[in-house]
Structure formats: C-alpha cells, structure tokens
Protein backbone atom coordinates (compact mmCIF):
# COMPACT_ATOMS: atom_id res chain seq x y z
CA MET A 1 86.67 106.60 99.65
CA ASN A 2 84.21 106.62 96.72
CA GLU A 3 82.08 103.61 97.55
CA GLU A 4 82.50 102.39 93.80
CA THR A 5 86.51 102.72 93.95
CA PRO A 6 87.75 98.51 93.89
CA LYS A 7 88.96 97.04 96.72
CA ILE A 8 93.04 96.30 96.61
CA GLY A 9 93.97 93.14 97.63
CA GLN A 10 92.23 90.50 99.76
CA ASP A 11 92.27 90.34 103.34
CA PRO A 12 94.09 86.92 104.82
CA ALA A 13 92.79 84.28 106.86
CA ASP A 14 93.08 83.61 110.28
CA PRO A 15 94.71 81.32 109.86
CA LEU A 16 97.60 82.18 107.20
CA VAL A 17 97.81 85.45 109.73
CA GLU A 18 98.50 82.99 112.51
CA LEU A 19 100.87 81.33 110.46
CA ALA A 20 102.76 84.17 109.35
CA GLN A 21 103.85 84.98 113.34
CA ARG A 22 105.51 81.22 113.44
CA VAL A 23 107.30 82.02 110.66
CA ARG A 24 108.15 85.03 112.47
CA ASP A 25 109.37 83.28 115.50
CA VAL A 26 111.16 81.15 113.76
CA ALA A 27 113.34 83.67 112.24
CA ASN A 28 113.72 85.26 115.57
CA GLU A 29 115.03 82.58 117.25
CA LEU A 30 116.98 81.89 114.68
CA LEU A 31 119.17 84.54 114.95
CA ARG A 32 119.74 83.78 118.78
CA ILE A 33 121.59 80.13 118.57
CA HIS A 34 124.80 79.63 118.52
CA GLU A 35 124.89 75.74 117.71
CA GLY A 36 124.03 75.13 113.98
CA ASP A 37 124.50 71.77 114.16
CA HIS A 38 122.50 71.09 117.64
CA ALA A 39 119.88 68.03 117.05
CA HIS A 40 117.19 70.81 117.11
CA VAL A 41 118.68 72.72 114.61
CA LEU A 42 118.58 69.87 112.70
CA GLU A 43 115.02 68.63 113.61
CA ALA A 44 113.43 72.02 113.23
CA ARG A 45 115.35 72.09 109.57
CA ASP A 46 113.60 68.73 108.41
CA THR A 47 110.14 69.84 109.99
CA LEU A 48 110.08 73.22 108.16
CA ASP A 49 111.24 71.07 105.10
CA ARG A 50 108.34 69.47 105.55
CA ALA A 51 105.68 72.33 106.32
CA VAL A 52 106.99 74.02 103.07
CA ALA A 53 106.46 70.82 100.62
CA LYS A 54 103.03 71.18 102.30
CA LEU A 55 102.30 74.55 101.65
CA GLY A 56 103.41 73.89 98.12
CA GLU A 57 100.18 71.53 97.55
CA ILE A 58 98.05 74.12 97.71
CA ALA A 59 99.71 77.37 97.21
CA SER A 60 99.29 79.38 93.17
CA ARG A 61 101.84 79.02 91.05
CA HIS A 62 100.86 81.62 89.11
CA GLU A 63 102.41 85.35 88.36
CA SER A 64 99.68 87.19 87.86
CA PRO A 65 98.31 89.25 91.31
CA ARG A 66 94.52 89.02 92.16
CA ALA A 67 95.22 92.73 92.99
CA ILE A 68 91.30 93.55 92.88
CA GLU A 69 89.43 91.86 95.53
CA THR A 70 86.48 91.39 93.20
CA VAL A 71 88.46 89.41 89.97
CA PRO A 72 88.13 86.05 90.09
CA ALA A 73 90.51 83.89 92.04
CA ASP A 74 91.55 81.79 89.34
CA GLY A 75 94.53 81.86 86.94
CA THR A 76 96.03 84.70 89.83
CA ARG A 77 98.03 84.68 92.97
CA PRO A 78 96.59 85.95 96.25
CA TYR A 79 97.38 89.96 96.37
CA TYR A 80 97.55 90.37 100.33
CA PHE A 81 97.72 94.62 100.25
CA PRO A 82 99.97 95.71 103.30
CA GLY A 83 96.83 97.54 104.30
CA ALA A 84 96.52 99.39 107.77
CA LEU A 85 98.47 96.38 109.73
CA ALA A 86 101.34 95.86 107.24
CA PRO A 87 102.93 92.65 109.44
CA ARG A 88 99.25 90.59 109.01
CA VAL A 89 101.18 88.27 106.58
CA HIS A 90 103.86 90.32 105.00
CA VAL A 91 106.57 88.16 107.70
CA ALA A 92 109.74 90.42 107.09
CA HIS A 93 107.97 94.02 108.15
CA PRO A 94 107.90 95.25 111.24
CA TRP A 95 105.03 95.14 113.67
CA MET A 96 102.95 98.00 113.77
CA THR A 97 99.77 99.61 114.76
CA ALA A 98 97.64 102.12 112.82
CA GLU A 99 95.06 104.87 114.04
CA THR A 100 93.81 107.70 111.91
CA ILE A 101 93.91 111.06 113.79
CA GLU A 102 93.28 114.76 112.85
CA GLY A 103 95.27 114.94 109.92
CA GLY A 104 97.65 112.25 109.50
CA ARG A 105 97.68 108.62 111.50
CA ARG A 106 100.20 107.55 114.74
CA GLY A 107 100.52 104.21 116.00
CA ARG A 108 103.68 102.15 117.12
CA VAL A 109 106.23 100.05 115.92
CA ARG A 110 108.80 97.16 117.05
CA PHE A 111 111.92 96.18 114.90
CA ASP A 112 112.81 92.52 115.62
CA LEU A 113 116.20 90.67 115.62
CA ILE A 114 115.30 90.02 111.78
CA HIS A 115 115.23 94.06 111.23
CA GLU A 116 118.93 94.33 112.94
CA GLY A 117 122.26 96.52 111.07
CA PRO A 118 124.38 97.87 114.09
CA PRO A 119 124.52 95.64 116.79
CA GLY A 120 121.17 96.20 118.86
CA CYS A 121 119.49 98.79 116.61
CA ALA A 122 117.40 98.90 113.47
CA HIS A 123 119.17 98.99 109.70
CA GLY A 124 118.15 102.03 108.52
CA GLY A 125 116.46 100.24 105.25
CA HIS A 126 113.95 98.56 107.51
CA VAL A 127 113.12 102.33 108.91
CA ALA A 128 113.15 103.85 105.94
CA TRP A 129 111.22 101.10 104.56
CA PHE A 130 108.73 101.32 107.84
CA PHE A 131 108.45 105.26 106.86
CA ASP A 132 107.17 104.55 103.22
CA GLN A 133 104.52 102.03 104.43
CA ALA A 134 103.62 104.70 107.20
CA PHE A 135 102.95 107.30 104.52
CA GLY A 136 101.03 104.59 101.86
CA HIS A 137 98.47 104.66 104.76
CA HIS A 138 98.09 107.69 105.32
CA VAL A 139 97.84 108.95 101.96
CA VAL A 140 95.42 106.12 100.97
CA ALA A 141 93.00 107.70 103.39
CA GLN A 142 93.34 111.04 101.54
CA GLU A 143 91.56 109.25 98.68
CA VAL A 144 94.32 110.91 96.78
CA SER A 145 96.52 107.78 96.77
CA GLY A 146 99.67 106.65 94.65
CA PRO A 147 102.62 105.59 94.58
CA THR A 148 105.79 107.23 96.25
CA HIS A 149 107.71 109.58 94.07
CA ARG A 150 109.93 111.07 96.64
CA LEU A 151 111.22 109.78 100.30
CA GLU A 152 113.85 111.51 102.57
CA VAL A 153 114.53 110.38 105.90
CA VAL A 154 117.00 111.64 108.37
CA TYR A 155 118.64 109.56 111.02
CA ARG A 156 118.93 111.36 114.66
CA ARG A 157 119.50 108.68 116.47
CA LEU A 158 120.12 104.83 116.37
CA THR A 159 116.23 102.96 116.52
CA PRO A 160 116.84 100.44 119.32
CA LEU A 161 115.45 96.93 118.67
CA GLN A 162 113.07 95.00 120.54
CA LYS A 163 110.97 98.08 121.88
CA GLU A 164 107.42 99.81 120.89
CA LEU A 165 108.45 102.82 119.76
CA ASP A 166 105.64 105.99 118.75
CA TYR A 167 105.20 107.28 114.72
CA GLU A 168 103.43 109.95 113.71
CA ILE A 169 101.84 111.14 109.99
CA ARG A 170 100.60 113.96 109.12
CA THR A 171 99.58 115.86 105.87
CA ASP A 172 102.41 118.98 104.93
CA ARG A 173 99.93 119.88 101.84
CA VAL A 174 98.03 118.28 98.84
CA ASP A 175 98.59 120.15 95.49
CA GLY A 176 96.28 118.27 92.86
CA ARG A 177 97.64 114.74 92.84
CA LYS A 178 100.41 115.58 94.80
CA ILE A 179 100.25 114.95 98.72
CA PHE A 180 103.22 116.04 100.94
CA ALA A 181 103.59 114.44 104.09
CA ASP A 182 105.86 114.64 107.41
CA GLY A 183 106.57 111.90 109.79
CA VAL A 184 108.37 111.48 112.62
CA LEU A 185 109.36 108.31 115.01
CA ARG A 186 110.02 108.96 118.72
CA ASP A 187 111.65 106.63 121.24
CA GLY A 188 109.69 108.08 124.48
CA GLU A 189 110.56 111.91 123.77
CA VAL A 190 113.56 111.25 122.01
CA VAL A 191 113.08 111.50 118.24
CA VAL A 192 115.12 109.16 116.84
CA ALA A 193 114.37 109.38 112.57
CA GLU A 194 112.11 112.24 110.88
CA ALA A 195 110.99 111.49 106.76
CA LYS A 196 109.36 113.85 104.29
CA ALA A 197 107.14 111.68 101.60
CA LEU A 198 105.89 113.53 98.12
CA PHE A 199 102.77 110.92 96.76
CA VAL A 200 101.74 111.47 93.35
CA ALA A 201 98.59 109.87 92.17
CA PRO A 202 97.69 108.73 88.42
CA LYS A 203 95.94 110.46 86.94
CA SER A 204 93.09 108.44 85.84
CA ALA A 205 92.87 107.01 90.00
CA PHE A 206 92.30 111.11 90.89
CA GLU A 207 89.83 111.86 88.33
CA MET A 208 88.42 108.20 89.79
CA THR A 209 88.71 108.88 93.29
CA ARG A 210 87.77 112.64 93.03
CA GLY A 211 84.55 112.73 91.14
CA GLY A 212 86.01 114.12 88.07
CA MET A 213 88.09 116.92 89.63
CA THR A 214 90.60 118.73 87.39
CA PRO A 215 94.12 118.16 89.22
CA SER A 216 95.85 121.48 90.11
CA GLY A 217 99.54 119.90 89.21
C-alpha cells in the first residue's frame, strides 16, 4: 500500500485484547448452563455489573469514531479496525487466523457456541459474516480496497461448531476499481461453504492508492 495512505483505526492495547477474551469465555460458558437461578450465576451477574460500571468510568461517550490513527483522540471514540485478526477485540466475531499466499489469503476459523444456529452447527449468517471479513482482509492487501458491493454464499454442508476449519480466499479478477474474489471453507477435505464477492473502491481512494491511475470501470 502507498506509504502515504493513512492507517485506518487503532491497534487495541494488550489488556483490552485479554479482556475481550474473558468476555468471549463468559458468553460461551453462559450457553452451557441450565440452572439460571444458581448462586454462581447470580454472583457472576453482580460481578459483571461492577465490571461494567468500572469500564464505564473510562469509556468514551463520543459517537464519532477515530477512523484515522493520526486524528487526535479527544472528542472521538476508538475505532478498532477489524484488520487481519478481527476477533482481537470484536468479541462476537469467530476466532480466525490469516496469512498471505500467492494470489490470496488463507487461514483457519472456529465458530463457538455464540455462533450456533442449527444444533451443533454455525448459523449461516455468521458464516456469511466470516466470509465478508475474510474477503475484506484480502482486498485491503490488493491496494484497491473498498466496501462490499455483493456477497454470495453457497452452503454445501452444515458448518460444525468448535472445530478449526480451513479457508482460502483468492482474487478472480480486477477490473479497474472492482475486485472479484472467490472463497472456500473446508472441514478437512470436505467443502462446507463457497462464496463469491465483489468489492468496489471509491474513485477517490482508488486514485490515491494507485497513484492517479484512471479506473477502467
């Protein structure tokens, strides 16, 4: 990416990442409990009430996100751009890894109990959400990044929970400001879902990242 392109968002501090993991743990344990009136549940509820109050003392109440890292923090709330490892502080997003390969990206993803739809399987909406995020990672690396214009997901099998699955994203073609990409999600050798996406870069961003090239589309 052009060195003058501003960095989007901020990187969360390690203690925030650790806190986010605790929140995920709470959500997943919650979905394993039958006894709602158990003393442990009531104690945990009260503990979380105190934790929320503590965090509220230092949380920003501004609605404007600090979208660009160089913008002063005063008068904004933080914007933790999902980036290469989306779940670092975005606690509802499935855990995932990502690495660059020739022509694309690949990694692993795991859906937990908070993503359950059919019994023991991920909800299709969460699978689509994951694909959108994985495609987003990929197009940012292509230096023609822009918002999702179209996303199509074909569900080949039910997607299992609590199991590391393999995924791969590859560019199909680039047409000016448009990036067409394909994705696949596998459980071992079995394809559980496939996806196609179209991203379209805003004209101004395209010209900035491409050094003033004239878009063909």
